[in-house]
Protein backbone atom coordinates (compact mmCIF):
# COMPACT_ATOMS: atom_id res chain seq x y z
CA MET A 1 -22.69 -14.66 173.64
CA THR A 2 -24.74 -13.53 176.66
CA ASP A 3 -23.69 -14.24 180.15
CA LYS A 4 -26.08 -16.91 181.47
CA SER A 5 -25.78 -15.66 185.05
CA LYS A 6 -27.24 -12.27 183.99
CA ARG A 7 -30.09 -13.97 182.18
CA ARG A 8 -30.78 -16.17 185.18
CA PHE A 9 -30.66 -13.10 187.48
CA LEU A 10 -33.18 -11.22 185.31
CA THR A 11 -35.48 -14.24 185.15
CA LYS A 12 -35.39 -14.70 188.92
CA TYR A 13 -35.88 -10.95 189.44
CA PHE A 14 -38.90 -10.91 187.12
CA ILE A 15 -40.47 -13.92 188.87
CA HIS A 16 -39.78 -12.31 192.26
CA GLN A 17 -41.44 -9.05 191.17
CA VAL A 18 -44.50 -10.86 189.81
CA GLY A 19 -44.79 -12.73 193.10
CA ARG A 20 -44.61 -9.48 195.08
CA CYS A 21 -47.25 -7.95 192.84
CA LEU A 22 -49.59 -10.90 193.35
CA ARG A 23 -49.06 -10.86 197.12
CA GLY A 24 -49.84 -7.13 197.17
CA PHE A 25 -53.00 -7.71 195.16
CA GLU A 26 -54.12 -10.54 197.46
CA ASP A 27 -53.43 -8.39 200.54
CA GLY A 28 -55.55 -5.60 199.03
CA VAL A 29 -58.41 -7.99 198.29
CA ASP A 30 -58.26 -9.36 201.84
CA GLN A 31 -58.33 -5.84 203.29
CA VAL A 32 -61.35 -4.82 201.19
CA LYS A 33 -63.17 -8.01 202.19
CA GLN A 34 -62.42 -7.38 205.86
CA GLU A 35 -63.65 -3.77 205.64
CA SER A 36 -66.78 -4.91 203.82
CA ASP A 37 -67.50 -7.52 206.51
CA PHE A 38 -66.96 -4.87 209.20
CA GLU A 39 -69.43 -2.47 207.54
CA ARG A 40 -71.98 -5.26 207.04
CA PHE A 41 -71.67 -6.21 210.72
CA PHE A 42 -72.90 -2.76 211.79
CA GLU A 43 -75.70 -2.46 209.21
CA SER A 44 -78.40 -3.72 211.55
CA ASP A 45 -79.07 -4.28 215.23
CA GLU A 46 -79.52 -8.00 214.62
CA SER A 47 -76.05 -8.51 213.17
CA SER A 48 -74.29 -6.40 215.80
CA TYR A 49 -76.47 -7.44 218.73
CA ALA A 50 -73.64 -8.86 220.85
CA LEU A 51 -71.73 -5.58 220.82
CA THR A 52 -74.55 -3.07 220.82
CA LEU A 53 -77.83 -4.05 222.44
CA ALA A 54 -76.42 -6.59 224.88
CA TYR A 55 -73.65 -4.22 226.03
CA PRO A 56 -74.61 -2.31 229.22
CA ASP A 57 -75.09 1.41 228.52
CA GLU A 58 -73.02 2.59 231.48
CA ILE A 59 -69.99 0.54 230.49
CA LEU A 60 -70.27 1.56 226.84
CA LEU A 61 -70.56 5.27 227.64
CA GLU A 62 -67.68 5.13 230.11
CA THR A 63 -65.47 3.28 227.63
CA ALA A 64 -66.32 5.81 224.91
CA LYS A 65 -65.52 8.66 227.29
CA ILE A 66 -62.14 7.12 228.13
CA HIS A 67 -61.30 6.93 224.42
CA GLY A 68 -62.48 10.47 223.72
CA ILE A 69 -65.53 9.49 221.67
CA ASP A 70 -68.47 11.89 221.60
CA THR A 71 -71.69 10.08 222.59
CA VAL A 72 -74.23 12.91 222.34
CA ASN A 73 -77.09 12.14 219.89
CA ARG A 74 -75.43 8.94 218.68
CA SER A 75 -76.76 5.42 218.60
CA LYS A 76 -75.05 2.60 220.46
CA ARG A 77 -74.15 1.07 217.10
CA GLU A 78 -72.31 4.24 216.02
CA ILE A 79 -70.43 4.43 219.32
CA VAL A 80 -69.39 0.77 219.24
CA LYS A 81 -68.35 1.08 215.59
CA GLU A 82 -66.12 4.05 216.39
CA LEU A 83 -64.60 2.17 219.33
CA MET A 84 -63.79 -0.73 217.03
CA LEU A 85 -62.27 1.61 214.43
CA LYS A 86 -60.06 3.19 217.08
CA ARG A 87 -58.68 -0.25 217.89
CA GLU A 88 -57.82 -0.76 214.19
CA ASP A 89 -57.69 -4.54 214.53
CA TYR A 90 -61.25 -5.46 213.74
């Protein structure tokens, strides 16, 4: 006869592993959605207006310089996007 405590342990372990797998999958889906939303935000000037066009040039360029971001021949959108990526909490 099998020890019921071992069977119960394996059942709980299996359920625990399935739960971890599902949480990992959901976390991955959330991350992809967040990255997609971030990319979509910077697709046009209209969607990123608050951070790009309305942001004073002097402040933006100084902030980029402080963070070591090259601003030569780059649009405001590209600079702001790189600033946001450096923060890594978009």
